[in-house]
Amino acid sequence: INFTLLKEVGDICLNQTADKDTIYEMFDFYREC
């Protein structure tokens, strides 16, 4: 799964990937915050 991520506003990191555990942690973070 490919993501576009940011190091800083305007500093773009293309073709970033994340494993399943990290993606599920991300969902946890979303629901909590």
PDB file of all heavy atoms in Angstrom:
ATOM      1  N   ILE A   1       0.853  -1.192   0.000  1.00  0.00           N
ATOM      2  CA  ILE A   1       0.000   0.000   0.000  1.00  0.00           C
ATOM      3  C   ILE A   1       0.890   1.242   0.000  1.00  0.00           C
ATOM      4  O   ILE A   1       1.774   1.391   0.842  1.00  0.00           O
ATOM      5  CB  ILE A   1      -0.955  -0.012   1.211  1.00  0.00           C
ATOM      6  CG1 ILE A   1      -1.890  -1.229   1.136  1.00  0.00           C
ATOM      7  CG2 ILE A   1      -1.767   1.281   1.276  1.00  0.00           C
ATOM      8  CD1 ILE A   1      -2.671  -1.500   2.404  1.00  0.00           C
ATOM      9  N   ASN A   2       0.680   2.101  -0.983  1.00  0.00           N
ATOM     10  CA  ASN A   2       1.505   3.291  -1.153  1.00  0.00           C
ATOM     11  C   ASN A   2       0.878   4.524  -0.529  1.00  0.00           C
ATOM     12  O   ASN A   2      -0.305   4.800  -0.731  1.00  0.00           O
ATOM     13  CB  ASN A   2       1.696   3.571  -2.653  1.00  0.00           C
ATOM     14  CG  ASN A   2       2.969   2.949  -3.166  1.00  0.00           C
ATOM     15  OD1 ASN A   2       4.031   3.126  -2.563  1.00  0.00           O
ATOM     16  ND2 ASN A   2       2.873   2.220  -4.263  1.00  0.00           N
ATOM     17  N   PHE A   3       1.679   5.277   0.180  1.00  0.00           N
ATOM     18  CA  PHE A   3       1.223   6.532   0.783  1.00  0.00           C
ATOM     19  C   PHE A   3       2.099   7.687   0.304  1.00  0.00           C
ATOM     20  O   PHE A   3       3.279   7.505   0.020  1.00  0.00           O
ATOM     21  CB  PHE A   3       1.329   6.473   2.312  1.00  0.00           C
ATOM     22  CG  PHE A   3       0.451   5.452   2.961  1.00  0.00           C
ATOM     23  CD1 PHE A   3       0.921   4.168   3.217  1.00  0.00           C
ATOM     24  CD2 PHE A   3      -0.859   5.768   3.328  1.00  0.00           C
ATOM     25  CE1 PHE A   3       0.114   3.210   3.823  1.00  0.00           C
ATOM     26  CE2 PHE A   3      -1.670   4.816   3.931  1.00  0.00           C
ATOM     27  CZ  PHE A   3      -1.187   3.547   4.184  1.00  0.00           C
ATOM     28  N   THR A   4       1.490   8.869   0.255  1.00  0.00           N
ATOM     29  CA  THR A   4       2.248  10.096   0.112  1.00  0.00           C
ATOM     30  C   THR A   4       2.352  10.689   1.510  1.00  0.00           C
ATOM     31  O   THR A   4       1.324  10.962   2.140  1.00  0.00           O
ATOM     32  CB  THR A   4       1.518  11.075  -0.838  1.00  0.00           C
ATOM     33  OG1 THR A   4       1.547  10.525  -2.154  1.00  0.00           O
ATOM     34  CG2 THR A   4       2.177  12.440  -0.839  1.00  0.00           C
ATOM     35  N   LEU A   5       3.567  10.839   2.002  1.00  0.00           N
ATOM     36  CA  LEU A   5       3.763  11.360   3.363  1.00  0.00           C
ATOM     37  C   LEU A   5       4.560  12.667   3.325  1.00  0.00           C
ATOM     38  O   LEU A   5       5.118  13.032   2.285  1.00  0.00           O
ATOM     39  CB  LEU A   5       4.471  10.323   4.241  1.00  0.00           C
ATOM     40  CG  LEU A   5       3.779   8.954   4.374  1.00  0.00           C
ATOM     41  CD1 LEU A   5       4.587   8.014   5.266  1.00  0.00           C
ATOM     42  CD2 LEU A   5       2.354   9.088   4.913  1.00  0.00           C
ATOM     43  N   LEU A   6       4.598  13.353   4.439  1.00  0.00           N
ATOM     44  CA  LEU A   6       5.282  14.651   4.526  1.00  0.00           C
ATOM     45  C   LEU A   6       6.312  14.655   5.651  1.00  0.00           C
ATOM     46  O   LEU A   6       6.001  14.284   6.778  1.00  0.00           O
ATOM     47  CB  LEU A   6       4.265  15.770   4.808  1.00  0.00           C
ATOM     48  CG  LEU A   6       3.177  16.038   3.766  1.00  0.00           C
ATOM     49  CD1 LEU A   6       2.204  17.089   4.287  1.00  0.00           C
ATOM     50  CD2 LEU A   6       3.793  16.511   2.461  1.00  0.00           C
ATOM     51  N   LYS A   7       7.530  15.124   5.324  1.00  0.00           N
ATOM     52  CA  LYS A   7       8.548  15.352   6.352  1.00  0.00           C
ATOM     53  C   LYS A   7       8.283  16.670   7.048  1.00  0.00           C
ATOM     54  O   LYS A   7       8.598  16.867   8.216  1.00  0.00           O
ATOM     55  CB  LYS A   7       9.927  15.455   5.679  1.00  0.00           C
ATOM     56  CG  LYS A   7      10.808  14.265   5.910  1.00  0.00           C
ATOM     57  CD  LYS A   7      12.171  14.495   5.294  1.00  0.00           C
ATOM     58  CE  LYS A   7      12.707  13.130   4.896  1.00  0.00           C
ATOM     59  NZ  LYS A   7      13.852  13.148   4.058  1.00  0.00           N
ATOM     60  N   GLU A   8       7.743  17.598   6.282  1.00  0.00           N
ATOM     61  CA  GLU A   8       7.490  18.962   6.738  1.00  0.00           C
ATOM     62  C   GLU A   8       6.455  19.500   5.755  1.00  0.00           C
ATOM     63  O   GLU A   8       6.216  18.893   4.727  1.00  0.00           O
ATOM     64  CB  GLU A   8       8.835  19.698   6.659  1.00  0.00           C
ATOM     65  CG  GLU A   8       8.995  21.111   7.207  1.00  0.00           C
ATOM     66  CD  GLU A   8       8.220  21.500   8.446  1.00  0.00           C
ATOM     67  OE1 GLU A   8       6.995  21.695   8.315  1.00  0.00           O
ATOM     68  OE2 GLU A   8       8.817  21.667   9.502  1.00  0.00           O
ATOM     69  N   VAL A   9       5.823  20.613   6.062  1.00  0.00           N
ATOM     70  CA  VAL A   9       4.879  21.202   5.099  1.00  0.00           C
ATOM     71  C   VAL A   9       5.651  21.473   3.800  1.00  0.00           C
ATOM     72  O   VAL A   9       6.700  22.119   3.817  1.00  0.00           O
ATOM     73  CB  VAL A   9       4.281  22.516   5.647  1.00  0.00           C
ATOM     74  CG1 VAL A   9       3.398  23.182   4.587  1.00  0.00           C
ATOM     75  CG2 VAL A   9       3.470  22.244   6.904  1.00  0.00           C
ATOM     76  N   GLY A  10       5.163  20.914   2.695  1.00  0.00           N
ATOM     77  CA  GLY A  10       5.819  21.121   1.396  1.00  0.00           C
ATOM     78  C   GLY A  10       6.988  20.190   1.111  1.00  0.00           C
ATOM     79  O   GLY A  10       7.516  20.179   0.002  1.00  0.00           O
ATOM     80  N   ASP A  11       7.409  19.394   2.090  1.00  0.00           N
ATOM     81  CA  ASP A  11       8.522  18.445   1.880  1.00  0.00           C
ATOM     82  C   ASP A  11       7.924  17.047   1.736  1.00  0.00           C
ATOM     83  O   ASP A  11       7.604  16.375   2.719  1.00  0.00           O
ATOM     84  CB  ASP A  11       9.504  18.529   3.061  1.00  0.00           C
ATOM     85  CG  ASP A  11      10.772  17.712   2.810  1.00  0.00           C
ATOM     86  OD1 ASP A  11      10.813  16.970   1.809  1.00  0.00           O
ATOM     87  OD2 ASP A  11      11.713  17.816   3.621  1.00  0.00           O
ATOM     88  N   ILE A  12       7.758  16.628   0.480  1.00  0.00           N
ATOM     89  CA  ILE A  12       6.911  15.472   0.151  1.00  0.00           C
ATOM     90  C   ILE A  12       7.734  14.196  -0.007  1.00  0.00           C
ATOM     91  O   ILE A  12       8.773  14.191  -0.671  1.00  0.00           O
ATOM     92  CB  ILE A  12       6.148  15.780  -1.163  1.00  0.00           C
ATOM     93  CG1 ILE A  12       5.253  17.014  -0.971  1.00  0.00           C
ATOM     94  CG2 ILE A  12       5.321  14.597  -1.619  1.00  0.00           C
ATOM     95  CD1 ILE A  12       5.061  17.841  -2.218  1.00  0.00           C
ATOM     96  N   CYS A  13       7.258  13.113   0.608  1.00  0.00           N
ATOM     97  CA  CYS A  13       7.898  11.791   0.474  1.00  0.00           C
ATOM     98  C   CYS A  13       6.930  10.876  -0.274  1.00  0.00           C
ATOM     99  O   CYS A  13       5.901  10.480   0.281  1.00  0.00           O
ATOM    100  CB  CYS A  13       8.204  11.196   1.841  1.00  0.00           C
ATOM    101  SG  CYS A  13       9.241  12.239   2.875  1.00  0.00           S
ATOM    102  N   LEU A  14       7.271  10.552  -1.502  1.00  0.00           N
ATOM    103  CA  LEU A  14       6.393   9.722  -2.342  1.00  0.00           C
ATOM    104  C   LEU A  14       6.652   8.235  -2.102  1.00  0.00           C
ATOM    105  O   LEU A  14       7.704   7.844  -1.603  1.00  0.00           O
ATOM    106  CB  LEU A  14       6.630  10.033  -3.825  1.00  0.00           C
ATOM    107  CG  LEU A  14       6.410  11.475  -4.279  1.00  0.00           C
ATOM    108  CD1 LEU A  14       6.787  11.617  -5.748  1.00  0.00           C
ATOM    109  CD2 LEU A  14       4.972  11.909  -4.057  1.00  0.00           C
ATOM    110  N   ASN A  15       5.682   7.406  -2.506  1.00  0.00           N
ATOM    111  CA  ASN A  15       5.835   5.940  -2.530  1.00  0.00           C
ATOM    112  C   ASN A  15       6.302   5.364  -1.193  1.00  0.00           C
ATOM    113  O   ASN A  15       7.172   4.507  -1.140  1.00  0.00           O
ATOM    114  CB  ASN A  15       6.811   5.527  -3.648  1.00  0.00           C
ATOM    115  CG  ASN A  15       6.370   6.042  -5.000  1.00  0.00           C
ATOM    116  OD1 ASN A  15       5.180   6.072  -5.307  1.00  0.00           O
ATOM    117  ND2 ASN A  15       7.316   6.481  -5.815  1.00  0.00           N
ATOM    118  N   GLN A  16       5.710   5.858  -0.114  1.00  0.00           N
ATOM    119  CA  GLN A  16       6.017   5.331   1.207  1.00  0.00           C
ATOM    120  C   GLN A  16       5.079   4.159   1.509  1.00  0.00           C
ATOM    121  O   GLN A  16       3.912   4.195   1.143  1.00  0.00           O
ATOM    122  CB  GLN A  16       5.824   6.417   2.272  1.00  0.00           C
ATOM    123  CG  GLN A  16       6.694   7.649   2.051  1.00  0.00           C
ATOM    124  CD  GLN A  16       8.163   7.340   2.210  1.00  0.00           C
ATOM    125  OE1 GLN A  16       8.602   6.857   3.250  1.00  0.00           O
ATOM    126  NE2 GLN A  16       8.941   7.611   1.173  1.00  0.00           N
ATOM    127  N   THR A  17       5.599   3.154   2.175  1.00  0.00           N
ATOM    128  CA  THR A  17       4.747   2.009   2.508  1.00  0.00           C
ATOM    129  C   THR A  17       4.679   1.841   4.028  1.00  0.00           C
ATOM    130  O   THR A  17       5.519   2.369   4.756  1.00  0.00           O
ATOM    131  CB  THR A  17       5.285   0.701   1.875  1.00  0.00           C
ATOM    132  OG1 THR A  17       6.611   0.495   2.341  1.00  0.00           O
ATOM    133  CG2 THR A  17       5.281   0.792   0.362  1.00  0.00           C
ATOM    134  N   ALA A  18       3.668   1.120   4.466  1.00  0.00           N
ATOM    135  CA  ALA A  18       3.525   0.821   5.892  1.00  0.00           C
ATOM    136  C   ALA A  18       2.985  -0.595   6.009  1.00  0.00           C
ATOM    137  O   ALA A  18       2.152  -1.012   5.205  1.00  0.00           O
ATOM    138  CB  ALA A  18       2.564   1.813   6.542  1.00  0.00           C
ATOM    139  N   ASP A  19       3.468  -1.338   7.002  1.00  0.00           N
ATOM    140  CA  ASP A  19       2.974  -2.706   7.157  1.00  0.00           C
ATOM    141  C   ASP A  19       1.616  -2.700   7.863  1.00  0.00           C
ATOM    142  O   ASP A  19       1.158  -1.676   8.369  1.00  0.00           O
ATOM    143  CB  ASP A  19       3.995  -3.595   7.882  1.00  0.00           C
ATOM    144  CG  ASP A  19       4.307  -3.102   9.292  1.00  0.00           C
ATOM    145  OD1 ASP A  19       3.456  -2.414   9.901  1.00  0.00           O
ATOM    146  OD2 ASP A  19       5.409  -3.402   9.791  1.00  0.00           O
ATOM    147  N   LYS A  20       1.014  -3.878   7.892  1.00  0.00           N
ATOM    148  CA  LYS A  20      -0.344  -4.020   8.416  1.00  0.00           C
ATOM    149  C   LYS A  20      -0.445  -3.542   9.871  1.00  0.00           C
ATOM    150  O   LYS A  20      -1.381  -2.827  10.232  1.00  0.00           O
ATOM    151  CB  LYS A  20      -0.770  -5.491   8.311  1.00  0.00           C
ATOM    152  CG  LYS A  20      -2.256  -5.724   8.464  1.00  0.00           C
ATOM    153  CD  LYS A  20      -2.572  -7.194   8.160  1.00  0.00           C
ATOM    154  CE  LYS A  20      -4.055  -7.439   8.115  1.00  0.00           C
ATOM    155  NZ  LYS A  20      -4.372  -8.816   7.724  1.00  0.00           N
ATOM    156  N   ASP A  21       0.530  -3.912  10.698  1.00  0.00           N
ATOM    157  CA  ASP A  21       0.493  -3.511  12.115  1.00  0.00           C
ATOM    158  C   ASP A  21       0.500  -1.995  12.268  1.00  0.00           C
ATOM    159  O   ASP A  21      -0.231  -1.432  13.082  1.00  0.00           O
ATOM    160  CB  ASP A  21       1.699  -4.106  12.879  1.00  0.00           C
ATOM    161  CG  ASP A  21       1.545  -5.614  13.081  1.00  0.00           C
ATOM    162  OD1 ASP A  21       0.430  -6.132  12.852  1.00  0.00           O
ATOM    163  OD2 ASP A  21       2.534  -6.268  13.454  1.00  0.00           O
ATOM    164  N   THR A  22       1.348  -1.342  11.467  1.00  0.00           N
ATOM    165  CA  THR A  22       1.456   0.128  11.536  1.00  0.00           C
ATOM    166  C   THR A  22       0.148   0.773  11.088  1.00  0.00           C
ATOM    167  O   THR A  22      -0.310   1.756  11.676  1.00  0.00           O
ATOM    168  CB  THR A  22       2.628   0.627  10.658  1.00  0.00           C
ATOM    169  OG1 THR A  22       3.795  -0.105  11.006  1.00  0.00           O
ATOM    170  CG2 THR A  22       2.872   2.107  10.855  1.00  0.00           C
ATOM    171  N   ILE A  23      -0.467   0.196  10.050  1.00  0.00           N
ATOM    172  CA  ILE A  23      -1.736   0.734   9.545  1.00  0.00           C
ATOM    173  C   ILE A  23      -2.830   0.572  10.613  1.00  0.00           C
ATOM    174  O   ILE A  23      -3.632   1.487  10.837  1.00  0.00           O
ATOM    175  CB  ILE A  23      -2.106   0.064   8.202  1.00  0.00           C
ATOM    176  CG1 ILE A  23      -1.174   0.597   7.100  1.00  0.00           C
ATOM    177  CG2 ILE A  23      -3.570   0.317   7.836  1.00  0.00           C
ATOM    178  CD1 ILE A  23      -1.243  -0.140   5.779  1.00  0.00           C
ATOM    179  N   TYR A  24      -2.843  -0.558  11.319  1.00  0.00           N
ATOM    180  CA  TYR A  24      -3.837  -0.769  12.375  1.00  0.00           C
ATOM    181  C   TYR A  24      -3.584   0.172  13.555  1.00  0.00           C
ATOM    182  O   TYR A  24      -4.533   0.666  14.168  1.00  0.00           O
ATOM    183  CB  TYR A  24      -3.859  -2.238  12.816  1.00  0.00           C
ATOM    184  CG  TYR A  24      -4.552  -3.152  11.812  1.00  0.00           C
ATOM    185  CD1 TYR A  24      -4.674  -2.778  10.468  1.00  0.00           C
ATOM    186  CD2 TYR A  24      -5.076  -4.378  12.187  1.00  0.00           C
ATOM    187  CE1 TYR A  24      -5.301  -3.612   9.548  1.00  0.00           C
ATOM    188  CE2 TYR A  24      -5.712  -5.219  11.263  1.00  0.00           C
ATOM    189  CZ  TYR A  24      -5.821  -4.822   9.941  1.00  0.00           C
ATOM    190  OH  TYR A  24      -6.440  -5.633   9.022  1.00  0.00           O
ATOM    191  N   GLU A  25      -2.306   0.448  13.853  1.00  0.00           N
ATOM    192  CA  GLU A  25      -1.964   1.453  14.880  1.00  0.00           C
ATOM    193  C   GLU A  25      -2.487   2.830  14.474  1.00  0.00           C
ATOM    194  O   GLU A  25      -2.956   3.598  15.304  1.00  0.00           O
ATOM    195  CB  GLU A  25      -0.441   1.564  15.014  1.00  0.00           C
ATOM    196  CG  GLU A  25       0.202   0.664  16.026  1.00  0.00           C
ATOM    197  CD  GLU A  25       1.727   0.725  15.886  1.00  0.00           C
ATOM    198  OE1 GLU A  25       2.275   1.837  15.717  1.00  0.00           O
ATOM    199  OE2 GLU A  25       2.350  -0.339  15.913  1.00  0.00           O
ATOM    200  N   MET A  26      -2.363   3.122  13.178  1.00  0.00           N
ATOM    201  CA  MET A  26      -2.847   4.396  12.636  1.00  0.00           C
ATOM    202  C   MET A  26      -4.362   4.508  12.841  1.00  0.00           C
ATOM    203  O   MET A  26      -4.865   5.568  13.235  1.00  0.00           O
ATOM    204  CB  MET A  26      -2.489   4.472  11.147  1.00  0.00           C
ATOM    205  CG  MET A  26      -3.073   5.629  10.374  1.00  0.00           C
ATOM    206  SD  MET A  26      -2.848   5.377   8.594  1.00  0.00           S
ATOM    207  CE  MET A  26      -4.170   4.202   8.227  1.00  0.00           C
ATOM    208  N   PHE A  27      -5.094   3.424  12.609  1.00  0.00           N
ATOM    209  CA  PHE A  27      -6.547   3.437  12.849  1.00  0.00           C
ATOM    210  C   PHE A  27      -6.848   3.660  14.332  1.00  0.00           C
ATOM    211  O   PHE A  27      -7.775   4.402  14.684  1.00  0.00           O
ATOM    212  CB  PHE A  27      -7.195   2.125  12.381  1.00  0.00           C
ATOM    213  CG  PHE A  27      -7.241   1.934  10.885  1.00  0.00           C
ATOM    214  CD1 PHE A  27      -7.113   0.661  10.328  1.00  0.00           C
ATOM    215  CD2 PHE A  27      -7.426   3.013  10.027  1.00  0.00           C
ATOM    216  CE1 PHE A  27      -7.167   0.466   8.948  1.00  0.00           C
ATOM    217  CE2 PHE A  27      -7.478   2.838   8.655  1.00  0.00           C
ATOM    218  CZ  PHE A  27      -7.353   1.557   8.101  1.00  0.00           C
ATOM    219  N   ASP A  28      -6.050   3.029  15.203  1.00  0.00           N
ATOM    220  CA  ASP A  28      -6.209   3.235  16.658  1.00  0.00           C
ATOM    221  C   ASP A  28      -6.021   4.715  17.004  1.00  0.00           C
ATOM    222  O   ASP A  28      -6.814   5.301  17.741  1.00  0.00           O
ATOM    223  CB  ASP A  28      -5.175   2.410  17.453  1.00  0.00           C
ATOM    224  CG  ASP A  28      -5.509   0.916  17.490  1.00  0.00           C
ATOM    225  OD1 ASP A  28      -6.676   0.566  17.239  1.00  0.00           O
ATOM    226  OD2 ASP A  28      -4.600   0.132  17.782  1.00  0.00           O
ATOM    227  N   PHE A  29      -4.949   5.286  16.468  1.00  0.00           N
ATOM    228  CA  PHE A  29      -4.648   6.710  16.723  1.00  0.00           C
ATOM    229  C   PHE A  29      -5.808   7.591  16.267  1.00  0.00           C
ATOM    230  O   PHE A  29      -6.258   8.479  16.986  1.00  0.00           O
ATOM    231  CB  PHE A  29      -3.366   7.124  15.993  1.00  0.00           C
ATOM    232  CG  PHE A  29      -3.125   8.617  15.982  1.00  0.00           C
ATOM    233  CD1 PHE A  29      -2.517   9.239  17.059  1.00  0.00           C
ATOM    234  CD2 PHE A  29      -3.517   9.403  14.902  1.00  0.00           C
ATOM    235  CE1 PHE A  29      -2.316  10.622  17.064  1.00  0.00           C
ATOM    236  CE2 PHE A  29      -3.322  10.782  14.899  1.00  0.00           C
ATOM    237  CZ  PHE A  29      -2.718  11.383  15.989  1.00  0.00           C
ATOM    238  N   TYR A  30      -6.306   7.313  15.063  1.00  0.00           N
ATOM    239  CA  TYR A  30      -7.412   8.101  14.508  1.00  0.00           C
ATOM    240  C   TYR A  30      -8.627   8.052  15.446  1.00  0.00           C
ATOM    241  O   TYR A  30      -9.197   9.087  15.794  1.00  0.00           O
ATOM    242  CB  TYR A  30      -7.789   7.582  13.114  1.00  0.00           C
ATOM    243  CG  TYR A  30      -9.064   8.223  12.585  1.00  0.00           C
ATOM    244  CD1 TYR A  30      -9.015   9.419  11.894  1.00  0.00           C
ATOM    245  CD2 TYR A  30     -10.312   7.652  12.831  1.00  0.00           C
ATOM    246  CE1 TYR A  30     -10.174  10.032  11.454  1.00  0.00           C
ATOM    247  CE2 TYR A  30     -11.464   8.257  12.396  1.00  0.00           C
ATOM    248  CZ  TYR A  30     -11.395   9.446  11.708  1.00  0.00           C
ATOM    249  OH  TYR A  30     -12.547  10.054  11.279  1.00  0.00           O
ATOM    250  N   ARG A  31      -9.023   6.851  15.836  1.00  0.00           N
ATOM    251  CA  ARG A  31     -10.226   6.711  16.656  1.00  0.00           C
ATOM    252  C   ARG A  31     -10.049   7.381  18.015  1.00  0.00           C
ATOM    253  O   ARG A  31     -10.992   7.978  18.547  1.00  0.00           O
ATOM    254  CB  ARG A  31     -10.579   5.226  16.823  1.00  0.00           C
ATOM    255  CG  ARG A  31     -11.122   4.640  15.508  1.00  0.00           C
ATOM    256  CD  ARG A  31     -11.364   3.146  15.598  1.00  0.00           C
ATOM    257  NE  ARG A  31     -12.285   2.819  16.665  1.00  0.00           N
ATOM    258  CZ  ARG A  31     -12.179   1.740  17.447  1.00  0.00           C
ATOM    259  NH1 ARG A  31     -11.168   0.905  17.282  1.00  0.00           N
ATOM    260  NH2 ARG A  31     -13.069   1.510  18.377  1.00  0.00           N
ATOM    261  N   GLU A  32      -8.837   7.306  18.556  1.00  0.00           N
ATOM    262  CA  GLU A  32      -8.581   7.907  19.861  1.00  0.00           C
ATOM    263  C   GLU A  32      -8.584   9.436  19.788  1.00  0.00           C
ATOM    264  O   GLU A  32      -9.286  10.103  20.538  1.00  0.00           O
ATOM    265  CB  GLU A  32      -7.216   7.412  20.360  1.00  0.00           C
ATOM    266  CG  GLU A  32      -6.994   7.687  21.832  1.00  0.00           C
ATOM    267  CD  GLU A  32      -5.659   7.126  22.311  1.00  0.00           C
ATOM    268  OE1 GLU A  32      -5.310   5.993  21.882  1.00  0.00           O
ATOM    269  OE2 GLU A  32      -4.992   7.800  23.096  1.00  0.00           O
ATOM    270  N   CYS A  33      -7.850   9.995  18.798  1.00  0.00           N
ATOM    271  CA  CYS A  33      -7.735  11.460  18.776  1.00  0.00           C
ATOM    272  C   CYS A  33      -9.003  12.137  18.241  1.00  0.00           C
ATOM    273  O   CYS A  33      -9.291  13.277  18.578  1.00  0.00           O
ATOM    274  CB  CYS A  33      -6.487  11.919  18.017  1.00  0.00           C
ATOM    275  SG  CYS A  33      -6.664  11.933  16.248  1.00  0.00           S
TER     276      CYS A  33
END
